[in-house]
C-alpha cells in the first residue's frame, strides 16, 4: 500500500494526521478511545481525531 500524508495538526510524528492510500481510501492517525461503550468488531478500531483536523482538511480541499 502506498501512503501519502495529506494533512496534520502539527509537524511532529505523534499528531492526528490524515493519509491517502493508493487504494482510494484514507488512513487516520489519532487517539484510540476506550470509553465509548460501542461494540466494535475485532478486525476494526475507532480512532478519535480533533474536529479542527477535519476542518483544516476541508478548507484545504483535501476531502
N, C-alpha and C. Protein backbone atom coordinates (compact mmCIF):
# COMPACT_ATOMS: atom_id res chain seq x y z
N UNK A 1 0.84 -1.17 0.00
CA UNK A 1 0.00 0.00 0.00
C UNK A 1 0.89 1.24 0.00
N UNK A 2 0.61 2.18 -0.89
CA UNK A 2 1.32 3.45 -0.91
C UNK A 2 0.51 4.46 -0.09
N UNK A 3 1.18 5.14 0.85
CA UNK A 3 0.52 6.08 1.75
C UNK A 3 1.12 7.47 1.56
N UNK A 4 0.23 8.47 1.42
CA UNK A 4 0.66 9.85 1.25
C UNK A 4 0.05 10.71 2.36
N UNK A 5 0.89 11.44 3.08
CA UNK A 5 0.39 12.33 4.14
C UNK A 5 -0.35 13.49 3.50
N UNK A 6 -1.61 13.70 3.92
CA UNK A 6 -2.39 14.80 3.39
C UNK A 6 -2.32 16.03 4.29
N UNK A 7 -2.59 15.82 5.59
CA UNK A 7 -2.69 16.96 6.49
C UNK A 7 -2.50 16.51 7.93
N UNK A 8 -1.95 17.40 8.74
CA UNK A 8 -1.73 17.11 10.15
C UNK A 8 -1.96 18.38 10.94
N UNK A 9 -2.10 18.24 12.25
CA UNK A 9 -2.28 19.42 13.08
C UNK A 9 -0.97 19.91 13.66
N UNK A 10 0.13 19.23 13.38
CA UNK A 10 1.44 19.69 13.84
C UNK A 10 2.53 19.05 12.99
N UNK A 11 3.77 19.40 13.27
CA UNK A 11 4.89 18.93 12.46
C UNK A 11 5.67 17.76 13.05
N UNK A 12 5.25 17.22 14.19
CA UNK A 12 5.94 16.08 14.78
C UNK A 12 5.16 14.81 14.51
N UNK A 13 5.76 13.65 14.76
CA UNK A 13 5.18 12.37 14.36
C UNK A 13 3.91 11.97 15.12
N UNK A 14 3.72 12.41 16.34
CA UNK A 14 2.65 11.87 17.19
C UNK A 14 1.36 12.68 17.16
N UNK A 15 1.04 13.32 16.05
CA UNK A 15 -0.15 14.17 15.97
C UNK A 15 -1.23 13.54 15.09
N UNK A 16 -2.48 13.93 15.31
CA UNK A 16 -3.53 13.46 14.41
C UNK A 16 -3.20 13.84 12.97
N UNK A 17 -3.34 12.86 12.08
CA UNK A 17 -2.97 13.05 10.68
C UNK A 17 -3.93 12.27 9.80
N UNK A 18 -4.17 12.78 8.60
CA UNK A 18 -4.95 12.06 7.60
C UNK A 18 -4.02 11.73 6.44
N UNK A 19 -4.05 10.47 6.01
CA UNK A 19 -3.25 9.99 4.89
C UNK A 19 -4.19 9.47 3.80
N UNK A 20 -3.76 9.56 2.55
CA UNK A 20 -4.46 8.94 1.43
C UNK A 20 -3.67 7.70 1.02
N UNK A 21 -4.37 6.69 0.53
CA UNK A 21 -3.70 5.49 0.05
C UNK A 21 -3.93 5.34 -1.45
N UNK A 22 -3.16 4.48 -2.06
CA UNK A 22 -3.35 4.19 -3.48
C UNK A 22 -4.51 3.23 -3.70
N UNK A 23 -5.23 2.90 -2.65
CA UNK A 23 -6.42 2.05 -2.74
C UNK A 23 -7.71 2.87 -2.82
N UNK A 24 -7.57 4.21 -2.83
CA UNK A 24 -8.75 5.07 -2.82
C UNK A 24 -9.37 5.18 -1.44
N UNK A 25 -8.55 5.02 -0.39
CA UNK A 25 -9.04 5.10 0.98
C UNK A 25 -8.19 6.10 1.76
N UNK A 26 -8.63 6.38 2.99
CA UNK A 26 -7.89 7.24 3.90
C UNK A 26 -7.46 6.45 5.11
N UNK A 27 -6.32 6.80 5.67
CA UNK A 27 -5.88 6.31 6.97
C UNK A 27 -5.88 7.50 7.91
N UNK A 28 -6.30 7.28 9.15
CA UNK A 28 -6.37 8.36 10.12
C UNK A 28 -5.53 7.99 11.33
N UNK A 29 -4.62 8.87 11.69
CA UNK A 29 -3.81 8.68 12.89
C UNK A 29 -4.40 9.56 13.97
N UNK A 30 -4.69 8.96 15.12
CA UNK A 30 -5.25 9.71 16.24
C UNK A 30 -5.28 8.85 17.49
N UNK A 31 -5.92 9.37 18.50
CA UNK A 31 -6.04 8.64 19.76
C UNK A 31 -7.04 7.50 19.62
N UNK A 32 -6.79 6.38 20.30
CA UNK A 32 -7.73 5.27 20.33
C UNK A 32 -8.53 5.36 21.62
N UNK A 33 -9.80 5.77 21.54
CA UNK A 33 -10.60 5.92 22.75
C UNK A 33 -11.01 4.55 23.29
N UNK A 34 -11.18 4.47 24.60
CA UNK A 34 -11.64 3.21 25.19
C UNK A 34 -12.88 3.40 26.05
N UNK A 35 -13.44 4.59 26.05
CA UNK A 35 -14.59 4.87 26.90
C UNK A 35 -15.86 5.14 26.10
N UNK A 36 -15.96 4.56 24.91
CA UNK A 36 -17.07 4.86 24.01
C UNK A 36 -18.30 3.97 24.23
N UNK A 37 -18.16 2.83 24.80
CA UNK A 37 -19.29 1.94 25.06
C UNK A 37 -19.85 1.24 23.83
N UNK A 38 -19.16 1.30 22.71
CA UNK A 38 -19.62 0.67 21.48
C UNK A 38 -19.04 -0.74 21.34
N UNK A 39 -19.71 -1.58 20.57
CA UNK A 39 -19.21 -2.93 20.28
C UNK A 39 -18.61 -2.88 18.88
N UNK A 40 -17.30 -2.90 18.82
CA UNK A 40 -16.57 -2.81 17.56
C UNK A 40 -16.02 -4.19 17.22
N UNK A 41 -16.21 -4.68 15.98
CA UNK A 41 -15.68 -5.98 15.60
C UNK A 41 -14.16 -6.04 15.82
N UNK A 42 -13.66 -7.22 16.07
CA UNK A 42 -12.23 -7.41 16.37
C UNK A 42 -11.32 -6.92 15.24
N UNK A 43 -11.80 -6.97 14.00
CA UNK A 43 -10.96 -6.57 12.86
C UNK A 43 -11.05 -5.06 12.57
N UNK A 44 -11.79 -4.31 13.40
CA UNK A 44 -11.93 -2.87 13.22
C UNK A 44 -11.50 -2.13 14.48
N UNK A 45 -11.34 -0.82 14.37
CA UNK A 45 -11.00 0.01 15.53
C UNK A 45 -11.62 1.38 15.35
N UNK A 46 -11.64 2.14 16.40
CA UNK A 46 -12.05 3.54 16.35
C UNK A 46 -10.81 4.39 16.57
N UNK A 47 -10.75 5.51 15.87
CA UNK A 47 -9.66 6.47 16.06
C UNK A 47 -10.31 7.83 16.25
N UNK A 48 -9.94 8.52 17.30
CA UNK A 48 -10.50 9.83 17.59
C UNK A 48 -9.55 10.92 17.09
N UNK A 49 -10.09 11.84 16.29
CA UNK A 49 -9.29 12.95 15.79
C UNK A 49 -10.02 14.25 16.11
N UNK A 50 -9.29 15.35 16.21
CA UNK A 50 -9.93 16.63 16.51
C UNK A 50 -10.76 17.15 15.34
N UNK A 51 -11.85 17.84 15.65
CA UNK A 51 -12.67 18.47 14.62
C UNK A 51 -11.82 19.44 13.80
N UNK A 52 -10.89 20.10 14.45
CA UNK A 52 -10.04 21.08 13.75
C UNK A 52 -9.26 20.43 12.60
N UNK A 53 -8.87 19.16 12.75
CA UNK A 53 -8.15 18.48 11.67
C UNK A 53 -9.06 18.31 10.45
N UNK A 54 -10.30 17.93 10.67
CA UNK A 54 -11.24 17.77 9.56
C UNK A 54 -11.55 19.12 8.92
N UNK A 55 -11.74 20.16 9.73
CA UNK A 55 -12.00 21.50 9.19
C UNK A 55 -10.83 21.95 8.31
N UNK A 56 -9.62 21.69 8.77
CA UNK A 56 -8.43 22.07 8.01
C UNK A 56 -8.36 21.29 6.69
N UNK A 57 -8.67 20.00 6.73
CA UNK A 57 -8.66 19.17 5.52
C UNK A 57 -9.69 19.67 4.51
N UNK A 58 -10.87 20.03 4.99
CA UNK A 58 -11.92 20.54 4.10
C UNK A 58 -11.52 21.90 3.54
N UNK A 59 -11.03 22.79 4.40
CA UNK A 59 -10.62 24.13 3.95
C UNK A 59 -9.49 24.07 2.92
N UNK A 60 -8.62 23.07 3.05
CA UNK A 60 -7.51 22.91 2.11
C UNK A 60 -7.90 22.11 0.87
N UNK A 61 -9.20 21.72 0.76
CA UNK A 61 -9.68 20.99 -0.40
C UNK A 61 -9.20 19.56 -0.50
N UNK A 62 -8.82 18.96 0.63
CA UNK A 62 -8.30 17.58 0.60
C UNK A 62 -9.40 16.54 0.69
N UNK A 63 -10.56 16.88 1.22
CA UNK A 63 -11.70 15.96 1.29
C UNK A 63 -12.95 16.67 0.85
